[in-house]
C-alpha atoms as a PDB file:
ATOM      1  CA  MET A   1     244.696 -32.133 186.368  1.00  0.00           C
ATOM      2  CA  ASN A   2     245.748 -28.511 185.822  1.00  0.00           C
ATOM      3  CA  SER A   3     245.583 -28.840 182.041  1.00  0.00           C
ATOM      4  CA  ASN A   4     242.183 -30.568 182.243  1.00  0.00           C
ATOM      5  CA  LEU A   5     240.852 -27.855 184.555  1.00  0.00           C
ATOM      6  CA  LYS A   6     241.990 -25.131 182.180  1.00  0.00           C
ATOM      7  CA  GLU A   7     240.258 -26.882 179.293  1.00  0.00           C
ATOM      8  CA  LEU A   8     237.054 -27.387 181.263  1.00  0.00           C
ATOM      9  CA  LEU A   9     236.792 -23.725 182.298  1.00  0.00           C
ATOM     10  CA  LYS A  10     238.262 -21.877 179.315  1.00  0.00           C
ATOM     11  CA  ASP A  11     234.882 -20.944 177.792  1.00  0.00           C
ATOM     12  CA  TYR A  12     232.862 -20.769 181.010  1.00  0.00           C
ATOM     13  CA  LYS A  13     230.454 -17.821 181.255  1.00  0.00           C
ATOM     14  CA  PRO A  14     229.598 -16.939 184.885  1.00  0.00           C
ATOM     15  CA  TYR A  15     225.905 -16.639 185.704  1.00  0.00           C
ATOM     16  CA  ILE A  16     224.101 -17.260 189.012  1.00  0.00           C
ATOM     17  CA  ASN A  17     225.039 -20.015 191.438  1.00  0.00           C
ATOM     18  CA  GLY A  18     222.176 -22.535 191.528  1.00  0.00           C
ATOM     19  CA  HIS A  19     220.477 -21.253 188.370  1.00  0.00           C
ATOM     20  CA  GLN A  20     219.860 -24.812 187.174  1.00  0.00           C
ATOM     21  CA  ASN A  21     217.134 -25.175 189.802  1.00  0.00           C
ATOM     22  CA  MET A  22     215.567 -21.758 189.260  1.00  0.00           C
ATOM     23  CA  LYS A  23     212.899 -20.537 186.859  1.00  0.00           C
ATOM     24  CA  LYS A  24     213.992 -17.981 184.265  1.00  0.00           C
ATOM     25  CA  ALA A  25     211.873 -15.186 182.835  1.00  0.00           C
ATOM     26  CA  SER A  26     212.338 -12.188 180.586  1.00  0.00           C
ATOM     27  CA  VAL A  27     210.512  -8.838 180.591  1.00  0.00           C
ATOM     28  CA  LEU A  28     210.486  -5.629 178.592  1.00  0.00           C
ATOM     29  CA  ILE A  29     210.271  -2.097 179.927  1.00  0.00           C
ATOM     30  CA  PRO A  30     208.449  -0.607 176.926  1.00  0.00           C
ATOM     31  CA  ILE A  31     209.065   3.064 176.158  1.00  0.00           C
ATOM     32  CA  VAL A  32     206.528   4.940 174.034  1.00  0.00           C
ATOM     33  CA  ARG A  33     207.336   8.373 172.602  1.00  0.00           C
ATOM     34  CA  LYS A  34     204.257  10.562 172.332  1.00  0.00           C
ATOM     35  CA  ASN A  35     204.015  14.329 171.767  1.00  0.00           C
ATOM     36  CA  ASN A  36     207.786  14.618 172.224  1.00  0.00           C
ATOM     37  CA  GLU A  37     207.610  12.979 175.653  1.00  0.00           C
ATOM     38  CA  ASP A  38     208.655   9.502 176.810  1.00  0.00           C
ATOM     39  CA  PHE A  39     206.165   7.246 178.584  1.00  0.00           C
ATOM     40  CA  ILE A  40     206.471   3.779 180.090  1.00  0.00           C
ATOM     41  CA  LEU A  41     203.775   1.329 179.065  1.00  0.00           C
ATOM     42  CA  PHE A  42     202.372  -0.948 181.765  1.00  0.00           C
ATOM     43  CA  GLU A  43     199.927  -3.847 181.585  1.00  0.00           C
ATOM     44  CA  VAL A  44     197.112  -4.637 183.988  1.00  0.00           C
ATOM     45  CA  ARG A  45     196.941  -8.416 184.012  1.00  0.00           C
ATOM     46  CA  SER A  46     193.643 -10.120 183.229  1.00  0.00           C
ATOM     47  CA  LYS A  47     191.337 -10.781 186.182  1.00  0.00           C
ATOM     48  CA  THR A  48     190.957 -14.406 185.018  1.00  0.00           C
ATOM     49  CA  LEU A  49     194.646 -15.334 185.247  1.00  0.00           C
ATOM     50  CA  ARG A  50     195.548 -17.882 187.916  1.00  0.00           C
ATOM     51  CA  SER A  51     198.820 -16.131 188.725  1.00  0.00           C
ATOM     52  CA  GLN A  52     198.687 -12.531 189.986  1.00  0.00           C
ATOM     53  CA  PRO A  53     195.361 -11.511 188.418  1.00  0.00           C
ATOM     54  CA  ASN A  54     194.707  -7.771 188.098  1.00  0.00           C
ATOM     55  CA  GLU A  55     198.326  -6.936 189.019  1.00  0.00           C
ATOM     56  CA  ILE A  56     200.347  -4.329 187.134  1.00  0.00           C
ATOM     57  CA  SER A  57     203.292  -5.728 185.191  1.00  0.00           C
ATOM     58  CA  PHE A  58     205.637  -5.311 182.268  1.00  0.00           C
ATOM     59  CA  PRO A  59     205.191  -7.516 179.191  1.00  0.00           C
ATOM     60  CA  GLY A  60     207.128 -10.740 179.601  1.00  0.00           C
ATOM     61  CA  GLY A  61     207.086 -14.331 180.726  1.00  0.00           C
ATOM     62  CA  MET A  62     209.035 -17.545 181.126  1.00  0.00           C
ATOM     63  CA  ILE A  63     212.008 -18.324 178.903  1.00  0.00           C
ATOM     64  CA  GLU A  64     211.262 -21.497 176.984  1.00  0.00           C
ATOM     65  CA  LYS A  65     213.728 -24.260 176.167  1.00  0.00           C
ATOM     66  CA  ASN A  66     216.243 -23.273 173.468  1.00  0.00           C
ATOM     67  CA  GLU A  67     215.217 -19.583 173.748  1.00  0.00           C
ATOM     68  CA  THR A  68     217.556 -16.754 174.606  1.00  0.00           C
ATOM     69  CA  PRO A  69     216.382 -14.098 177.074  1.00  0.00           C
ATOM     70  CA  ILE A  70     216.007 -11.508 174.313  1.00  0.00           C
ATOM     71  CA  THR A  71     213.992 -13.763 172.013  1.00  0.00           C
ATOM     72  CA  ALA A  72     211.710 -14.690 174.925  1.00  0.00           C
ATOM     73  CA  CYS A  73     211.280 -10.997 175.745  1.00  0.00           C
ATOM     74  CA  ILE A  74     210.256 -10.137 172.186  1.00  0.00           C
ATOM     75  CA  ARG A  75     208.009 -13.195 171.798  1.00  0.00           C
ATOM     76  CA  GLU A  76     206.149 -12.552 175.055  1.00  0.00           C
ATOM     77  CA  THR A  77     205.754  -8.850 174.276  1.00  0.00           C
ATOM     78  CA  CYS A  78     204.326  -9.643 170.845  1.00  0.00           C
ATOM     79  CA  GLU A  79     201.924 -12.218 172.297  1.00  0.00           C
ATOM     80  CA  GLU A  80     200.672  -9.995 175.107  1.00  0.00           C
ATOM     81  CA  LEU A  81     200.487  -6.671 173.298  1.00  0.00           C
ATOM     82  CA  GLY A  82     199.379  -8.053 169.944  1.00  0.00           C
ATOM     83  CA  THR A  83     202.236  -6.639 167.912  1.00  0.00           C
ATOM     84  CA  ILE A  84     205.103  -7.739 165.681  1.00  0.00           C
ATOM     85  CA  ASP A  85     208.877  -7.890 166.106  1.00  0.00           C
ATOM     86  CA  SER A  86     209.514  -4.903 163.886  1.00  0.00           C
ATOM     87  CA  ASN A  87     207.454  -2.678 166.210  1.00  0.00           C
ATOM     88  CA  ILE A  88     209.903  -3.353 169.059  1.00  0.00           C
ATOM     89  CA  GLU A  89     213.356  -1.797 169.234  1.00  0.00           C
ATOM     90  CA  ILE A  90     215.469  -3.239 172.039  1.00  0.00           C
ATOM     91  CA  VAL A  91     217.852  -0.590 173.401  1.00  0.00           C
ATOM     92  CA  SER A  92     219.686  -2.474 176.136  1.00  0.00           C
ATOM     93  CA  GLU A  93     219.615  -5.311 178.608  1.00  0.00           C
ATOM     94  CA  LEU A  94     219.463  -4.121 182.218  1.00  0.00           C
ATOM     95  CA  ASP A  95     220.505  -5.744 185.503  1.00  0.00           C
ATOM     96  CA  LEU A  96     219.282  -9.231 186.312  1.00  0.00           C
ATOM     97  CA  PHE A  97     216.634  -9.421 189.011  1.00  0.00           C
ATOM     98  CA  LEU A  98     216.789 -12.334 191.432  1.00  0.00           C
ATOM     99  CA  SER A  99     213.434 -12.961 193.095  1.00  0.00           C
ATOM    100  CA  PRO A 100     213.252 -14.464 196.605  1.00  0.00           C
ATOM    101  CA  ALA A 101     210.862 -16.966 194.993  1.00  0.00           C
ATOM    102  CA  ASP A 102     213.757 -18.460 192.976  1.00  0.00           C
ATOM    103  CA  ILE A 103     213.089 -16.717 189.667  1.00  0.00           C
ATOM    104  CA  ILE A 104     215.836 -15.103 187.587  1.00  0.00           C
ATOM    105  CA  ILE A 105     214.397 -12.244 185.537  1.00  0.00           C
ATOM    106  CA  HIS A 106     216.243 -10.838 182.527  1.00  0.00           C
ATOM    107  CA  THR A 107     215.169  -7.261 181.884  1.00  0.00           C
ATOM    108  CA  PHE A 108     215.333  -5.295 178.648  1.00  0.00           C
ATOM    109  CA  VAL A 109     214.371  -1.735 177.811  1.00  0.00           C
ATOM    110  CA  GLY A 110     213.157  -0.792 174.362  1.00  0.00           C
ATOM    111  CA  PHE A 111     210.819   1.314 172.284  1.00  0.00           C
ATOM    112  CA  ILE A 112     207.349   0.444 171.043  1.00  0.00           C
ATOM    113  CA  HIS A 113     207.157   2.514 167.855  1.00  0.00           C
ATOM    114  CA  ASP A 114     203.470   2.262 166.897  1.00  0.00           C
ATOM    115  CA  LEU A 115     201.201   2.438 169.929  1.00  0.00           C
ATOM    116  CA  GLU A 116     198.020   2.621 167.876  1.00  0.00           C
ATOM    117  CA  SER A 117     198.635  -0.747 166.222  1.00  0.00           C
ATOM    118  CA  LEU A 118     198.703  -2.666 169.512  1.00  0.00           C
ATOM    119  CA  ASN A 119     195.957  -5.227 170.058  1.00  0.00           C
ATOM    120  CA  PRO A 120     196.425  -6.598 173.607  1.00  0.00           C
ATOM    121  CA  ASN A 121     195.553 -10.249 174.199  1.00  0.00           C
ATOM    122  CA  ILE A 122     192.458 -10.068 176.455  1.00  0.00           C
ATOM    123  CA  ASP A 123     193.188 -13.533 177.872  1.00  0.00           C
ATOM    124  CA  GLU A 124     196.315 -12.106 179.498  1.00  0.00           C
ATOM    125  CA  VAL A 125     195.937  -8.325 179.535  1.00  0.00           C
ATOM    126  CA  ASP A 126     192.924  -6.454 180.918  1.00  0.00           C
ATOM    127  CA  HIS A 127     194.240  -3.142 179.613  1.00  0.00           C
ATOM    128  CA  ILE A 128     197.382  -1.076 179.167  1.00  0.00           C
ATOM    129  CA  PHE A 129     198.226   2.426 180.392  1.00  0.00           C
ATOM    130  CA  LEU A 130     201.052   4.929 180.041  1.00  0.00           C
ATOM    131  CA  VAL A 131     202.957   6.777 182.752  1.00  0.00           C
ATOM    132  CA  PRO A 132     205.149   9.769 181.865  1.00  0.00           C
ATOM    133  CA  LEU A 133     208.779   8.913 182.498  1.00  0.00           C
ATOM    134  CA  SER A 134     209.207  12.386 183.991  1.00  0.00           C
ATOM    135  CA  HIS A 135     206.557  11.610 186.645  1.00  0.00           C
ATOM    136  CA  LEU A 136     208.399   8.464 187.734  1.00  0.00           C
ATOM    137  CA  LEU A 137     211.738  10.264 187.854  1.00  0.00           C
ATOM    138  CA  GLU A 138     210.359  13.150 189.887  1.00  0.00           C
ATOM    139  CA  ASN A 139     208.291  11.194 192.432  1.00  0.00           C
ATOM    140  CA  GLU A 140     209.946   8.813 194.843  1.00  0.00           C
ATOM    141  CA  PRO A 141     208.084   5.597 195.658  1.00  0.00           C
ATOM    142  CA  LEU A 142     206.800   4.697 199.098  1.00  0.00           C
ATOM    143  CA  ARG A 143     209.294   2.251 200.566  1.00  0.00           C
ATOM    144  CA  TYR A 144     208.696  -0.438 203.188  1.00  0.00           C
ATOM    145  CA  LYS A 145     211.323  -2.793 204.548  1.00  0.00           C
ATOM    146  CA  ASN A 146     210.631  -6.497 204.946  1.00  0.00           C
ATOM    147  CA  GLU A 147     212.766  -9.092 206.665  1.00  0.00           C
ATOM    148  CA  VAL A 148     213.894 -12.196 204.797  1.00  0.00           C
ATOM    149  CA  ARG A 149     214.751 -15.103 207.080  1.00  0.00           C
ATOM    150  CA  VAL A 150     215.850 -18.719 206.786  1.00  0.00           C
ATOM    151  CA  VAL A 151     213.110 -20.913 208.252  1.00  0.00           C
ATOM    152  CA  PRO A 152     214.545 -24.429 208.600  1.00  0.00           C
ATOM    153  CA  ASN A 153     212.345 -27.357 207.658  1.00  0.00           C
ATOM    154  CA  LYS A 154     211.104 -29.535 210.524  1.00  0.00           C
ATOM    155  CA  ASN A 155     213.552 -32.288 209.500  1.00  0.00           C
ATOM    156  CA  PHE A 156     216.564 -29.951 209.198  1.00  0.00           C
ATOM    157  CA  PRO A 157     219.746 -31.845 210.318  1.00  0.00           C
ATOM    158  CA  TYR A 158     220.834 -29.594 213.186  1.00  0.00           C
ATOM    159  CA  ASP A 159     223.239 -32.302 214.363  1.00  0.00           C
ATOM    160  CA  LEU A 160     225.457 -31.584 211.324  1.00  0.00           C
ATOM    161  CA  ILE A 161     226.086 -27.884 212.101  1.00  0.00           C
ATOM    162  CA  PRO A 162     227.772 -25.913 214.912  1.00  0.00           C
ATOM    163  CA  ASN A 163     225.547 -24.836 217.829  1.00  0.00           C
ATOM    164  CA  LYS A 164     222.807 -27.252 216.710  1.00  0.00           C
ATOM    165  CA  GLU A 165     219.315 -25.775 217.249  1.00  0.00           C
ATOM    166  CA  ASN A 166     220.883 -22.546 218.545  1.00  0.00           C
ATOM    167  CA  TYR A 167     222.570 -21.744 215.231  1.00  0.00           C
ATOM    168  CA  LYS A 168     222.012 -18.081 214.292  1.00  0.00           C
ATOM    169  CA  PHE A 169     220.905 -17.939 210.660  1.00  0.00           C
ATOM    170  CA  LYS A 170     221.548 -14.606 208.959  1.00  0.00           C
ATOM    171  CA  SER A 171     218.543 -12.539 207.901  1.00  0.00           C
ATOM    172  CA  GLY A 172     218.278  -9.968 205.142  1.00  0.00           C
ATOM    173  CA  ASN A 173     216.113  -7.079 203.992  1.00  0.00           C
ATOM    174  CA  TYR A 174     213.790  -6.874 201.001  1.00  0.00           C
ATOM    175  CA  ASP A 175     212.239  -3.519 200.172  1.00  0.00           C
ATOM    176  CA  SER A 176     208.696  -3.221 198.860  1.00  0.00           C
ATOM    177  CA  LEU A 177     208.244  -0.160 196.644  1.00  0.00           C
ATOM    178  CA  PHE A 178     204.968   1.527 195.719  1.00  0.00           C
ATOM    179  CA  TYR A 179     204.838   3.959 192.787  1.00  0.00           C
ATOM    180  CA  LYS A 180     201.527   5.821 192.588  1.00  0.00           C
ATOM    181  CA  TYR A 181     200.077   7.285 189.407  1.00  0.00           C
ATOM    182  CA  ASN A 182     196.424   8.354 189.303  1.00  0.00           C
ATOM    183  CA  ASP A 183     194.490   5.277 190.486  1.00  0.00           C
ATOM    184  CA  TYR A 184     197.332   2.871 189.711  1.00  0.00           C
ATOM    185  CA  VAL A 185     199.860   1.452 192.155  1.00  0.00           C
ATOM    186  CA  ILE A 186     202.963  -0.157 190.671  1.00  0.00           C
ATOM    187  CA  TRP A 187     204.680  -2.419 193.163  1.00  0.00           C
ATOM    188  CA  GLY A 188     206.155  -5.906 193.701  1.00  0.00           C
ATOM    189  CA  ILE A 189     208.751  -7.203 191.265  1.00  0.00           C
ATOM    190  CA  THR A 190     207.577  -4.656 188.696  1.00  0.00           C
ATOM    191  CA  GLY A 191     208.343  -1.872 191.171  1.00  0.00           C
ATOM    192  CA  LYS A 192     211.808  -3.283 191.879  1.00  0.00           C
ATOM    193  CA  ILE A 193     212.671  -3.581 188.177  1.00  0.00           C
ATOM    194  CA  LEU A 194     211.300  -0.092 187.554  1.00  0.00           C
ATOM    195  CA  GLU A 195     213.466   1.359 190.330  1.00  0.00           C
ATOM    196  CA  ASN A 196     216.584  -0.218 188.841  1.00  0.00           C
ATOM    197  CA  PHE A 197     215.855   1.346 185.447  1.00  0.00           C
ATOM    198  CA  LEU A 198     215.079   4.776 186.901  1.00  0.00           C
ATOM    199  CA  ASN A 199     218.279   4.756 188.956  1.00  0.00           C
ATOM    200  CA  LEU A 200     220.300   3.962 185.825  1.00  0.00           C
ATOM    201  CA  ILE A 201     218.964   6.963 183.885  1.00  0.00           C
ATOM    202  CA  LYS A 202     218.754   9.586 186.636  1.00  0.00           C
END
């Protein structure tokens, strides 16, 4: 058994427990250099989208079968911003983001070299805007704490666990962040991913 176990696990790459049942997405934090200053490009999602219309997001989407996270990131960015691979320079992959809604999000940061050539897909993107990186580094977001709790289903088998219906499930915290810039508010998953990036470069 020992030899078989060694053979089974010798090339194993750890990931996230339960990932087989989770959705996987990939996004890009696009950096634009303009007038010797770095900006982050954001999208405002189309008002006609069924999922999160009119929300602010980074380019990105679901990882398709047989795609790697980085190829999905580049494909989605090209589709949404109306650009080509050669206009995108990936600098680094950042930390994974695990959404409470069972989505694993791979995050990359990279440069968009030619801003003027972009032709956003109006079916997905209402418009794009730039925020100076310096503004985001110098202004802390508003932060609100939320509680995350286990809410057992009505047919949960309490008879199989200690203390039955009186079992004390652990709760956790999930911060909501709000970055303000002019009339825009960047929040939700985009705000969480943005915070991770800003903390890495401060």
